PDB file of all heavy atoms in Angstrom:
ATOM      1  N   ALA A   1       0.825  -1.213   0.000  1.00  0.00           N
ATOM      2  CA  ALA A   1       0.000   0.000   0.000  1.00  0.00           C
ATOM      3  C   ALA A   1       0.861   1.267   0.000  1.00  0.00           C
ATOM      4  O   ALA A   1       0.329   2.376   0.061  1.00  0.00           O
ATOM      5  CB  ALA A   1      -0.925  -0.001   1.209  1.00  0.00           C
ATOM      6  N   GLY A   2       2.196   1.111  -0.031  1.00  0.00           N
ATOM      7  CA  GLY A   2       3.083   2.262  -0.121  1.00  0.00           C
ATOM      8  C   GLY A   2       3.700   2.710   1.198  1.00  0.00           C
ATOM      9  O   GLY A   2       4.371   3.745   1.240  1.00  0.00           O
ATOM     10  N   HIS A   3       3.527   1.934   2.262  1.00  0.00           N
ATOM     11  CA  HIS A   3       4.112   2.283   3.554  1.00  0.00           C
ATOM     12  C   HIS A   3       5.427   1.537   3.725  1.00  0.00           C
ATOM     13  O   HIS A   3       5.602   0.441   3.189  1.00  0.00           O
ATOM     14  CB  HIS A   3       3.148   1.928   4.690  1.00  0.00           C
ATOM     15  CG  HIS A   3       1.824   2.606   4.547  1.00  0.00           C
ATOM     16  ND1 HIS A   3       1.638   3.939   4.807  1.00  0.00           N
ATOM     17  CD2 HIS A   3       0.617   2.134   4.149  1.00  0.00           C
ATOM     18  CE1 HIS A   3       0.375   4.261   4.583  1.00  0.00           C
ATOM     19  NE2 HIS A   3      -0.261   3.187   4.172  1.00  0.00           N
ATOM     20  N   LYS A   4       6.339   2.125   4.490  1.00  0.00           N
ATOM     21  CA  LYS A   4       7.640   1.470   4.686  1.00  0.00           C
ATOM     22  C   LYS A   4       7.598   0.348   5.723  1.00  0.00           C
ATOM     23  O   LYS A   4       8.517  -0.462   5.794  1.00  0.00           O
ATOM     24  CB  LYS A   4       8.715   2.490   5.054  1.00  0.00           C
ATOM     25  CG  LYS A   4       8.541   3.116   6.414  1.00  0.00           C
ATOM     26  CD  LYS A   4       9.676   4.077   6.745  1.00  0.00           C
ATOM     27  CE  LYS A   4       9.490   4.608   8.168  1.00  0.00           C
ATOM     28  NZ  LYS A   4      10.578   5.437   8.581  1.00  0.00           N
ATOM     29  N   ALA A   5       6.542   0.319   6.535  1.00  0.00           N
ATOM     30  CA  ALA A   5       6.421  -0.686   7.601  1.00  0.00           C
ATOM     31  C   ALA A   5       4.957  -0.758   8.016  1.00  0.00           C
ATOM     32  O   ALA A   5       4.096  -0.123   7.403  1.00  0.00           O
ATOM     33  CB  ALA A   5       7.305  -0.289   8.776  1.00  0.00           C
ATOM     34  N   LEU A   6       4.679  -1.516   9.090  1.00  0.00           N
ATOM     35  CA  LEU A   6       3.313  -1.580   9.606  1.00  0.00           C
ATOM     36  C   LEU A   6       2.811  -0.186   9.947  1.00  0.00           C
ATOM     37  O   LEU A   6       3.571   0.672  10.396  1.00  0.00           O
ATOM     38  CB  LEU A   6       3.255  -2.449  10.871  1.00  0.00           C
ATOM     39  CG  LEU A   6       3.498  -3.937  10.705  1.00  0.00           C
ATOM     40  CD1 LEU A   6       3.393  -4.628  12.065  1.00  0.00           C
ATOM     41  CD2 LEU A   6       2.526  -4.558   9.721  1.00  0.00           C
ATOM     42  N   VAL A   7       1.518   0.017   9.756  1.00  0.00           N
ATOM     43  CA  VAL A   7       0.879   1.301  10.047  1.00  0.00           C
ATOM     44  C   VAL A   7       0.160   1.179  11.392  1.00  0.00           C
ATOM     45  O   VAL A   7      -0.586   0.231  11.624  1.00  0.00           O
ATOM     46  CB  VAL A   7      -0.139   1.668   8.944  1.00  0.00           C
ATOM     47  CG1 VAL A   7      -0.829   2.988   9.260  1.00  0.00           C
ATOM     48  CG2 VAL A   7       0.555   1.725   7.586  1.00  0.00           C
ATOM     49  N   ALA A   8       0.382   2.165  12.260  1.00  0.00           N
ATOM     50  CA  ALA A   8      -0.276   2.153  13.568  1.00  0.00           C
ATOM     51  C   ALA A   8      -1.766   2.452  13.416  1.00  0.00           C
ATOM     52  O   ALA A   8      -2.162   3.262  12.572  1.00  0.00           O
ATOM     53  CB  ALA A   8       0.367   3.189  14.483  1.00  0.00           C
ATOM     54  N   PRO A   9      -2.608   1.807  14.235  1.00  0.00           N
ATOM     55  CA  PRO A   9      -4.043   2.126  14.224  1.00  0.00           C
ATOM     56  C   PRO A   9      -4.267   3.601  14.589  1.00  0.00           C
ATOM     57  O   PRO A   9      -3.422   4.228  15.239  1.00  0.00           O
ATOM     58  CB  PRO A   9      -4.621   1.210  15.309  1.00  0.00           C
ATOM     59  CG  PRO A   9      -3.654   0.084  15.409  1.00  0.00           C
ATOM     60  CD  PRO A   9      -2.304   0.703  15.146  1.00  0.00           C
ATOM     61  N   PRO A  10      -5.394   4.164  14.194  1.00  0.00           N
ATOM     62  CA  PRO A  10      -5.649   5.599  14.405  1.00  0.00           C
ATOM     63  C   PRO A  10      -5.492   6.076  15.849  1.00  0.00           C
ATOM     64  O   PRO A  10      -5.039   7.192  16.081  1.00  0.00           O
ATOM     65  CB  PRO A  10      -7.089   5.779  13.927  1.00  0.00           C
ATOM     66  CG  PRO A  10      -7.283   4.689  12.939  1.00  0.00           C
ATOM     67  CD  PRO A  10      -6.477   3.527  13.449  1.00  0.00           C
ATOM     68  N   THR A  11      -5.838   5.244  16.831  1.00  0.00           N
ATOM     69  CA  THR A  11      -5.761   5.693  18.224  1.00  0.00           C
ATOM     70  C   THR A  11      -4.439   5.328  18.905  1.00  0.00           C
ATOM     71  O   THR A  11      -4.264   5.588  20.095  1.00  0.00           O
ATOM     72  CB  THR A  11      -6.935   5.124  19.043  1.00  0.00           C
ATOM     73  OG1 THR A  11      -6.932   3.699  18.923  1.00  0.00           O
ATOM     74  CG2 THR A  11      -8.260   5.703  18.568  1.00  0.00           C
ATOM     75  N   TYR A  12      -3.504   4.776  18.186  1.00  0.00           N
ATOM     76  CA  TYR A  12      -2.217   4.368  18.753  1.00  0.00           C
ATOM     77  C   TYR A  12      -1.508   5.508  19.479  1.00  0.00           C
ATOM     78  O   TYR A  12      -0.880   5.292  20.523  1.00  0.00           O
ATOM     79  CB  TYR A  12      -1.314   3.805  17.649  1.00  0.00           C
ATOM     80  CG  TYR A  12       0.080   3.485  18.109  1.00  0.00           C
ATOM     81  CD1 TYR A  12       0.359   2.271  18.732  1.00  0.00           C
ATOM     82  CD2 TYR A  12       1.122   4.384  17.926  1.00  0.00           C
ATOM     83  CE1 TYR A  12       1.641   1.971  19.161  1.00  0.00           C
ATOM     84  CE2 TYR A  12       2.404   4.092  18.356  1.00  0.00           C
ATOM     85  CZ  TYR A  12       2.661   2.883  18.975  1.00  0.00           C
ATOM     86  OH  TYR A  12       3.928   2.591  19.408  1.00  0.00           O
ATOM     87  N   LEU A  13      -1.591   6.698  18.959  1.00  0.00           N
ATOM     88  CA  LEU A  13      -0.850   7.812  19.540  1.00  0.00           C
ATOM     89  C   LEU A  13      -1.292   8.177  20.951  1.00  0.00           C
ATOM     90  O   LEU A  13      -0.605   8.933  21.634  1.00  0.00           O
ATOM     91  CB  LEU A  13      -0.899   9.045  18.636  1.00  0.00           C
ATOM     92  CG  LEU A  13       0.004   8.955  17.417  1.00  0.00           C
ATOM     93  CD1 LEU A  13      -0.093  10.241  16.598  1.00  0.00           C
ATOM     94  CD2 LEU A  13       1.451   8.690  17.806  1.00  0.00           C
ATOM     95  N   VAL A  14      -2.425   7.623  21.410  1.00  0.00           N
ATOM     96  CA  VAL A  14      -2.816   7.854  22.795  1.00  0.00           C
ATOM     97  C   VAL A  14      -1.708   7.351  23.725  1.00  0.00           C
ATOM     98  O   VAL A  14      -1.483   7.922  24.790  1.00  0.00           O
ATOM     99  CB  VAL A  14      -4.185   7.228  23.124  1.00  0.00           C
ATOM    100  CG1 VAL A  14      -4.112   5.719  23.226  1.00  0.00           C
ATOM    101  CG2 VAL A  14      -4.767   7.817  24.378  1.00  0.00           C
ATOM    102  N   THR A  15      -0.994   6.308  23.329  1.00  0.00           N
ATOM    103  CA  THR A  15       0.061   5.751  24.167  1.00  0.00           C
ATOM    104  C   THR A  15       1.211   6.734  24.361  1.00  0.00           C
ATOM    105  O   THR A  15       1.848   6.734  25.410  1.00  0.00           O
ATOM    106  CB  THR A  15       0.605   4.435  23.592  1.00  0.00           C
ATOM    107  OG1 THR A  15       1.219   4.676  22.325  1.00  0.00           O
ATOM    108  CG2 THR A  15      -0.492   3.391  23.436  1.00  0.00           C
ATOM    109  N   ILE A  16       1.462   7.550  23.372  1.00  0.00           N
ATOM    110  CA  ILE A  16       2.525   8.552  23.461  1.00  0.00           C
ATOM    111  C   ILE A  16       1.992   9.849  24.059  1.00  0.00           C
ATOM    112  O   ILE A  16       2.620  10.453  24.925  1.00  0.00           O
ATOM    113  CB  ILE A  16       3.155   8.783  22.073  1.00  0.00           C
ATOM    114  CG1 ILE A  16       3.864   7.495  21.614  1.00  0.00           C
ATOM    115  CG2 ILE A  16       4.113   9.968  22.088  1.00  0.00           C
ATOM    116  CD1 ILE A  16       4.330   7.505  20.191  1.00  0.00           C
ATOM    117  N   ALA A  17       0.825  10.274  23.621  1.00  0.00           N
ATOM    118  CA  ALA A  17       0.253  11.534  24.119  1.00  0.00           C
ATOM    119  C   ALA A  17       0.043  11.491  25.629  1.00  0.00           C
ATOM    120  O   ALA A  17       0.318  12.471  26.326  1.00  0.00           O
ATOM    121  CB  ALA A  17      -1.054  11.836  23.401  1.00  0.00           C
ATOM    122  N   GLN A  18      -0.422  10.358  26.150  1.00  0.00           N
ATOM    123  CA  GLN A  18      -0.671  10.289  27.590  1.00  0.00           C
ATOM    124  C   GLN A  18       0.620  10.374  28.399  1.00  0.00           C
ATOM    125  O   GLN A  18       0.613  10.889  29.512  1.00  0.00           O
ATOM    126  CB  GLN A  18      -1.470   9.042  27.955  1.00  0.00           C
ATOM    127  CG  GLN A  18      -2.919   9.202  27.571  1.00  0.00           C
ATOM    128  CD  GLN A  18      -3.783   8.059  28.044  1.00  0.00           C
ATOM    129  OE1 GLN A  18      -3.315   6.980  28.364  1.00  0.00           O
ATOM    130  NE2 GLN A  18      -5.085   8.303  28.077  1.00  0.00           N
ATOM    131  N   ARG A  19       1.712   9.906  27.846  1.00  0.00           N
ATOM    132  CA  ARG A  19       3.002  10.063  28.537  1.00  0.00           C
ATOM    133  C   ARG A  19       3.366  11.540  28.639  1.00  0.00           C
ATOM    134  O   ARG A  19       3.851  12.003  29.667  1.00  0.00           O
ATOM    135  CB  ARG A  19       4.098   9.300  27.816  1.00  0.00           C
ATOM    136  CG  ARG A  19       3.911   7.805  27.859  1.00  0.00           C
ATOM    137  CD  ARG A  19       4.984   7.116  27.063  1.00  0.00           C
ATOM    138  NE  ARG A  19       4.592   5.738  26.793  1.00  0.00           N
ATOM    139  CZ  ARG A  19       5.264   4.929  26.006  1.00  0.00           C
ATOM    140  NH1 ARG A  19       6.370   5.355  25.420  1.00  0.00           N
ATOM    141  NH2 ARG A  19       4.858   3.710  25.806  1.00  0.00           N
ATOM    142  N   ALA A  20       3.112  12.284  27.576  1.00  0.00           N
ATOM    143  CA  ALA A  20       3.385  13.721  27.600  1.00  0.00           C
ATOM    144  C   ALA A  20       2.407  14.450  28.517  1.00  0.00           C
ATOM    145  O   ALA A  20       2.789  15.350  29.275  1.00  0.00           O
ATOM    146  CB  ALA A  20       3.320  14.288  26.174  1.00  0.00           C
ATOM    147  N   GLU A  21       1.138  14.044  28.459  1.00  0.00           N
ATOM    148  CA  GLU A  21       0.112  14.683  29.301  1.00  0.00           C
ATOM    149  C   GLU A  21       0.350  14.432  30.786  1.00  0.00           C
ATOM    150  O   GLU A  21      -0.159  15.164  31.636  1.00  0.00           O
ATOM    151  CB  GLU A  21      -1.276  14.183  28.896  1.00  0.00           C
ATOM    152  CG  GLU A  21      -1.687  14.647  27.516  1.00  0.00           C
ATOM    153  CD  GLU A  21      -2.809  13.815  26.910  1.00  0.00           C
ATOM    154  OE1 GLU A  21      -3.354  12.925  27.602  1.00  0.00           O
ATOM    155  OE2 GLU A  21      -3.129  14.052  25.732  1.00  0.00           O
ATOM    156  N   ALA A  22       1.143  13.420  31.111  1.00  0.00           N
ATOM    157  CA  ALA A  22       1.476  13.158  32.515  1.00  0.00           C
ATOM    158  C   ALA A  22       2.190  14.367  33.133  1.00  0.00           C
ATOM    159  O   ALA A  22       2.076  14.598  34.338  1.00  0.00           O
ATOM    160  CB  ALA A  22       2.341  11.908  32.630  1.00  0.00           C
ATOM    161  N   LEU A  23       2.874  15.141  32.316  1.00  0.00           N
ATOM    162  CA  LEU A  23       3.519  16.359  32.829  1.00  0.00           C
ATOM    163  C   LEU A  23       2.475  17.323  33.376  1.00  0.00           C
ATOM    164  O   LEU A  23       2.704  17.992  34.385  1.00  0.00           O
ATOM    165  CB  LEU A  23       4.338  17.037  31.726  1.00  0.00           C
ATOM    166  CG  LEU A  23       5.531  16.250  31.191  1.00  0.00           C
ATOM    167  CD1 LEU A  23       6.124  16.955  29.980  1.00  0.00           C
ATOM    168  CD2 LEU A  23       6.566  16.044  32.272  1.00  0.00           C
ATOM    169  N   VAL A  24       1.335  17.405  32.719  1.00  0.00           N
ATOM    170  CA  VAL A  24       0.242  18.269  33.174  1.00  0.00           C
ATOM    171  C   VAL A  24      -0.369  17.685  34.443  1.00  0.00           C
ATOM    172  O   VAL A  24      -0.561  18.392  35.437  1.00  0.00           O
ATOM    173  CB  VAL A  24      -0.838  18.422  32.078  1.00  0.00           C
ATOM    174  CG1 VAL A  24      -1.984  19.296  32.575  1.00  0.00           C
ATOM    175  CG2 VAL A  24      -0.238  18.981  30.795  1.00  0.00           C
ATOM    176  N   VAL A  25      -0.665  16.405  34.411  1.00  0.00           N
ATOM    177  CA  VAL A  25      -1.310  15.743  35.550  1.00  0.00           C
ATOM    178  C   VAL A  25      -0.466  15.887  36.812  1.00  0.00           C
ATOM    179  O   VAL A  25      -0.993  16.076  37.903  1.00  0.00           O
ATOM    180  CB  VAL A  25      -1.582  14.256  35.223  1.00  0.00           C
ATOM    181  CG1 VAL A  25      -2.017  13.484  36.458  1.00  0.00           C
ATOM    182  CG2 VAL A  25      -2.634  14.144  34.118  1.00  0.00           C
ATOM    183  N   HIS A  26       0.860  15.843  36.670  1.00  0.00           N
ATOM    184  CA  HIS A  26       1.745  15.923  37.828  1.00  0.00           C
ATOM    185  C   HIS A  26       2.174  17.350  38.176  1.00  0.00           C
ATOM    186  O   HIS A  26       2.897  17.543  39.152  1.00  0.00           O
ATOM    187  CB  HIS A  26       2.968  15.032  37.618  1.00  0.00           C
ATOM    188  CG  HIS A  26       2.611  13.579  37.526  1.00  0.00           C
ATOM    189  ND1 HIS A  26       2.047  12.872  38.571  1.00  0.00           N
ATOM    190  CD2 HIS A  26       2.699  12.702  36.503  1.00  0.00           C
ATOM    191  CE1 HIS A  26       1.824  11.633  38.202  1.00  0.00           C
ATOM    192  NE2 HIS A  26       2.191  11.501  36.940  1.00  0.00           N
ATOM    193  N   ASP A  27       1.731  18.324  37.409  1.00  0.00           N
ATOM    194  CA  ASP A  27       2.043  19.730  37.705  1.00  0.00           C
ATOM    195  C   ASP A  27       1.214  20.157  38.920  1.00  0.00           C
ATOM    196  O   ASP A  27      -0.017  20.123  38.880  1.00  0.00           O
ATOM    197  CB  ASP A  27       1.685  20.592  36.487  1.00  0.00           C
ATOM    198  CG  ASP A  27       1.983  22.072  36.675  1.00  0.00           C
ATOM    199  OD1 ASP A  27       2.204  22.513  37.832  1.00  0.00           O
ATOM    200  OD2 ASP A  27       1.980  22.792  35.665  1.00  0.00           O
ATOM    201  N   PRO A  28       1.855  20.562  40.007  1.00  0.00           N
ATOM    202  CA  PRO A  28       1.089  20.956  41.199  1.00  0.00           C
ATOM    203  C   PRO A  28       0.091  22.085  40.927  1.00  0.00           C
ATOM    204  O   PRO A  28      -0.973  22.131  41.559  1.00  0.00           O
ATOM    205  CB  PRO A  28       2.164  21.410  42.189  1.00  0.00           C
ATOM    206  CG  PRO A  28       3.444  20.845  41.694  1.00  0.00           C
ATOM    207  CD  PRO A  28       3.290  20.654  40.213  1.00  0.00           C
ATOM    208  N   ASP A  29       0.393  22.973  39.981  1.00  0.00           N
ATOM    209  CA  ASP A  29      -0.526  24.069  39.660  1.00  0.00           C
ATOM    210  C   ASP A  29      -1.802  23.574  38.987  1.00  0.00           C
ATOM    211  O   ASP A  29      -2.828  24.252  39.026  1.00  0.00           O
ATOM    212  CB  ASP A  29       0.151  25.098  38.750  1.00  0.00           C
ATOM    213  CG  ASP A  29       1.227  25.897  39.463  1.00  0.00           C
ATOM    214  OD1 ASP A  29       1.215  25.960  40.714  1.00  0.00           O
ATOM    215  OD2 ASP A  29       2.100  26.460  38.766  1.00  0.00           O
ATOM    216  N   ALA A  30      -1.752  22.395  38.357  1.00  0.00           N
ATOM    217  CA  ALA A  30      -2.935  21.858  37.682  1.00  0.00           C
ATOM    218  C   ALA A  30      -3.951  21.313  38.683  1.00  0.00           C
ATOM    219  O   ALA A  30      -5.132  21.202  38.368  1.00  0.00           O
ATOM    220  CB  ALA A  30      -2.535  20.762  36.691  1.00  0.00           C
ATOM    221  N   LYS A  31      -3.486  20.965  39.861  1.00  0.00           N
ATOM    222  CA  LYS A  31      -4.356  20.453  40.929  1.00  0.00           C
ATOM    223  C   LYS A  31      -5.230  19.289  40.446  1.00  0.00           C
ATOM    224  O   LYS A  31      -6.448  19.311  40.567  1.00  0.00           O
ATOM    225  CB  LYS A  31      -5.200  21.565  41.528  1.00  0.00           C
ATOM    226  CG  LYS A  31      -4.376  22.664  42.173  1.00  0.00           C
ATOM    227  CD  LYS A  31      -5.239  23.631  42.922  1.00  0.00           C
ATOM    228  CE  LYS A  31      -4.485  24.798  43.472  1.00  0.00           C
ATOM    229  NZ  LYS A  31      -3.346  24.541  44.270  1.00  0.00           N
ATOM    230  N   VAL A  32      -4.566  18.282  39.889  1.00  0.00           N
ATOM    231  CA  VAL A  32      -5.273  17.104  39.387  1.00  0.00           C
ATOM    232  C   VAL A  32      -5.113  15.964  40.393  1.00  0.00           C
ATOM    233  O   VAL A  32      -4.004  15.513  40.652  1.00  0.00           O
ATOM    234  CB  VAL A  32      -4.726  16.660  38.012  1.00  0.00           C
ATOM    235  CG1 VAL A  32      -5.383  15.359  37.567  1.00  0.00           C
ATOM    236  CG2 VAL A  32      -4.939  17.749  36.980  1.00  0.00           C
ATOM    237  N   ASP A  33      -6.216  15.544  40.972  1.00  0.00           N
ATOM    238  CA  ASP A  33      -6.254  14.329  41.790  1.00  0.00           C
ATOM    239  C   ASP A  33      -6.657  13.216  40.832  1.00  0.00           C
ATOM    240  O   ASP A  33      -7.822  13.103  40.455  1.00  0.00           O
ATOM    241  CB  ASP A  33      -7.268  14.491  42.923  1.00  0.00           C
ATOM    242  CG  ASP A  33      -7.452  13.229  43.748  1.00  0.00           C
ATOM    243  OD1 ASP A  33      -6.882  12.166  43.386  1.00  0.00           O
ATOM    244  OD2 ASP A  33      -8.187  13.295  44.743  1.00  0.00           O
ATOM    245  N   PHE A  34      -5.674  12.411  40.417  1.00  0.00           N
ATOM    246  CA  PHE A  34      -5.921  11.438  39.360  1.00  0.00           C
ATOM    247  C   PHE A  34      -6.986  10.413  39.741  1.00  0.00           C
ATOM    248  O   PHE A  34      -7.630   9.839  38.874  1.00  0.00           O
ATOM    249  CB  PHE A  34      -4.620  10.741  38.947  1.00  0.00           C
ATOM    250  CG  PHE A  34      -4.695  10.146  37.570  1.00  0.00           C
ATOM    251  CD1 PHE A  34      -4.721  10.960  36.444  1.00  0.00           C
ATOM    252  CD2 PHE A  34      -4.766   8.782  37.385  1.00  0.00           C
ATOM    253  CE1 PHE A  34      -4.811  10.432  35.172  1.00  0.00           C
ATOM    254  CE2 PHE A  34      -4.853   8.229  36.124  1.00  0.00           C
ATOM    255  CZ  PHE A  34      -4.879   9.061  35.016  1.00  0.00           C
ATOM    256  N   SER A  35      -7.214  10.211  41.031  1.00  0.00           N
ATOM    257  CA  SER A  35      -8.269   9.279  41.442  1.00  0.00           C
ATOM    258  C   SER A  35      -9.656   9.833  41.134  1.00  0.00           C
ATOM    259  O   SER A  35     -10.646   9.117  41.200  1.00  0.00           O
ATOM    260  CB  SER A  35      -8.154   8.960  42.937  1.00  0.00           C
ATOM    261  OG  SER A  35      -8.500  10.089  43.719  1.00  0.00           O
ATOM    262  N   ARG A  36      -9.735  11.118  40.758  1.00  0.00           N
ATOM    263  CA  ARG A  36     -11.011  11.759  40.465  1.00  0.00           C
ATOM    264  C   ARG A  36     -11.131  12.129  38.980  1.00  0.00           C
ATOM    265  O   ARG A  36     -12.001  12.905  38.600  1.00  0.00           O
ATOM    266  CB  ARG A  36     -11.176  13.002  41.338  1.00  0.00           C
ATOM    267  CG  ARG A  36     -11.031  12.649  42.832  1.00  0.00           C
ATOM    268  CD  ARG A  36     -11.513  13.696  43.754  1.00  0.00           C
ATOM    269  NE  ARG A  36     -12.904  14.064  43.604  1.00  0.00           N
ATOM    270  CZ  ARG A  36     -13.952  13.345  44.005  1.00  0.00           C
ATOM    271  NH1 ARG A  36     -13.771  12.179  44.565  1.00  0.00           N
ATOM    272  NH2 ARG A  36     -15.173  13.788  43.844  1.00  0.00           N
ATOM    273  N   VAL A  37     -10.265  11.561  38.147  1.00  0.00           N
ATOM    274  CA  VAL A  37     -10.223  11.915  36.718  1.00  0.00           C
ATOM    275  C   VAL A  37     -11.054  10.950  35.890  1.00  0.00           C
ATOM    276  O   VAL A  37     -11.010   9.735  36.076  1.00  0.00           O
ATOM    277  CB  VAL A  37      -8.764  11.936  36.209  1.00  0.00           C
ATOM    278  CG1 VAL A  37      -8.713  12.010  34.684  1.00  0.00           C
ATOM    279  CG2 VAL A  37      -8.014  13.107  36.815  1.00  0.00           C
ATOM    280  N   VAL A  38     -11.808  11.527  34.955  1.00  0.00           N
ATOM    281  CA  VAL A  38     -12.516  10.782  33.926  1.00  0.00           C
ATOM    282  C   VAL A  38     -12.028  11.338  32.587  1.00  0.00           C
ATOM    283  O   VAL A  38     -11.977  12.551  32.398  1.00  0.00           O
ATOM    284  CB  VAL A  38     -14.055  10.967  34.040  1.00  0.00           C
ATOM    285  CG1 VAL A  38     -14.764  10.277  32.897  1.00  0.00           C
ATOM    286  CG2 VAL A  38     -14.550  10.464  35.375  1.00  0.00           C
ATOM    287  N   HIS A  39     -11.668  10.441  31.681  1.00  0.00           N
ATOM    288  CA  HIS A  39     -11.228  10.877  30.358  1.00  0.00           C
ATOM    289  C   HIS A  39     -12.461  11.273  29.560  1.00  0.00           C
ATOM    290  O   HIS A  39     -13.259  10.423  29.190  1.00  0.00           O
ATOM    291  CB  HIS A  39     -10.460   9.753  29.679  1.00  0.00           C
ATOM    292  CG  HIS A  39      -9.633  10.206  28.545  1.00  0.00           C
ATOM    293  ND1 HIS A  39      -9.155   9.340  27.612  1.00  0.00           N
ATOM    294  CD2 HIS A  39      -9.186  11.420  28.192  1.00  0.00           C
ATOM    295  CE1 HIS A  39      -8.457  10.004  26.717  1.00  0.00           C
ATOM    296  NE2 HIS A  39      -8.466  11.269  27.052  1.00  0.00           N
ATOM    297  N   ALA A  40     -12.631  12.558  29.292  1.00  0.00           N
ATOM    298  CA  ALA A  40     -13.863  13.065  28.699  1.00  0.00           C
ATOM    299  C   ALA A  40     -13.864  13.070  27.176  1.00  0.00           C
ATOM    300  O   ALA A  40     -14.909  12.876  26.552  1.00  0.00           O
ATOM    301  CB  ALA A  40     -14.145  14.477  29.221  1.00  0.00           C
ATOM    302  N   ASP A  41     -12.697  13.305  26.550  1.00  0.00           N
ATOM    303  CA  ASP A  41     -12.674  13.433  25.092  1.00  0.00           C
ATOM    304  C   ASP A  41     -11.256  13.221  24.587  1.00  0.00           C
ATOM    305  O   ASP A  41     -10.292  13.558  25.281  1.00  0.00           O
ATOM    306  CB  ASP A  41     -13.180  14.820  24.684  1.00  0.00           C
ATOM    307  CG  ASP A  41     -13.386  14.963  23.185  1.00  0.00           C
ATOM    308  OD1 ASP A  41     -13.849  14.001  22.544  1.00  0.00           O
ATOM    309  OD2 ASP A  41     -13.096  16.057  22.656  1.00  0.00           O
ATOM    310  N   GLN A  42     -11.125  12.699  23.371  1.00  0.00           N
ATOM    311  CA  GLN A  42      -9.828  12.503  22.716  1.00  0.00           C
ATOM    312  C   GLN A  42     -10.046  12.673  21.221  1.00  0.00           C
ATOM    313  O   GLN A  42     -10.967  12.076  20.661  1.00  0.00           O
ATOM    314  CB  GLN A  42      -9.304  11.096  22.998  1.00  0.00           C
ATOM    315  CG  GLN A  42      -7.899  10.860  22.533  1.00  0.00           C
ATOM    316  CD  GLN A  42      -6.888  11.219  23.590  1.00  0.00           C
ATOM    317  OE1 GLN A  42      -7.071  10.910  24.754  1.00  0.00           O
ATOM    318  NE2 GLN A  42      -5.824  11.869  23.200  1.00  0.00           N
ATOM    319  N   ARG A  43      -9.207  13.485  20.597  1.00  0.00           N
ATOM    320  CA  ARG A  43      -9.304  13.709  19.144  1.00  0.00           C
ATOM    321  C   ARG A  43      -7.916  13.669  18.523  1.00  0.00           C
ATOM    322  O   ARG A  43      -6.954  14.120  19.135  1.00  0.00           O
ATOM    323  CB  ARG A  43      -9.944  15.066  18.846  1.00  0.00           C
ATOM    324  CG  ARG A  43     -11.360  15.159  19.364  1.00  0.00           C
ATOM    325  CD  ARG A  43     -11.877  16.572  19.300  1.00  0.00           C
ATOM    326  NE  ARG A  43     -13.104  16.645  20.062  1.00  0.00           N
ATOM    327  CZ  ARG A  43     -14.213  17.168  19.606  1.00  0.00           C
ATOM    328  NH1 ARG A  43     -14.262  17.675  18.392  1.00  0.00           N
ATOM    329  NH2 ARG A  43     -15.282  17.194  20.362  1.00  0.00           N
ATOM    330  N   PHE A  44      -7.850  13.151  17.302  1.00  0.00           N
ATOM    331  CA  PHE A  44      -6.583  13.005  16.605  1.00  0.00           C
ATOM    332  C   PHE A  44      -6.673  13.673  15.241  1.00  0.00           C
ATOM    333  O   PHE A  44      -7.635  13.441  14.510  1.00  0.00           O
ATOM    334  CB  PHE A  44      -6.259  11.524  16.383  1.00  0.00           C
ATOM    335  CG  PHE A  44      -6.190  10.716  17.649  1.00  0.00           C
ATOM    336  CD1 PHE A  44      -7.338  10.169  18.201  1.00  0.00           C
ATOM    337  CD2 PHE A  44      -4.976  10.505  18.275  1.00  0.00           C
ATOM    338  CE1 PHE A  44      -7.279   9.417  19.363  1.00  0.00           C
ATOM    339  CE2 PHE A  44      -4.911   9.760  19.448  1.00  0.00           C
ATOM    340  CZ  PHE A  44      -6.062   9.219  19.988  1.00  0.00           C
TER     341      PHE A  44
END
């Protein structure tokens, strides 16, 4: 199909984005109690 290797599924990047978003979650100024978090929306 013209790709150099396997193609990741459309939502694969959640695995990388959430690692980056952990910086926000752990920022004391964000005041995020992760036990009270619900994932409301995700768009790519």
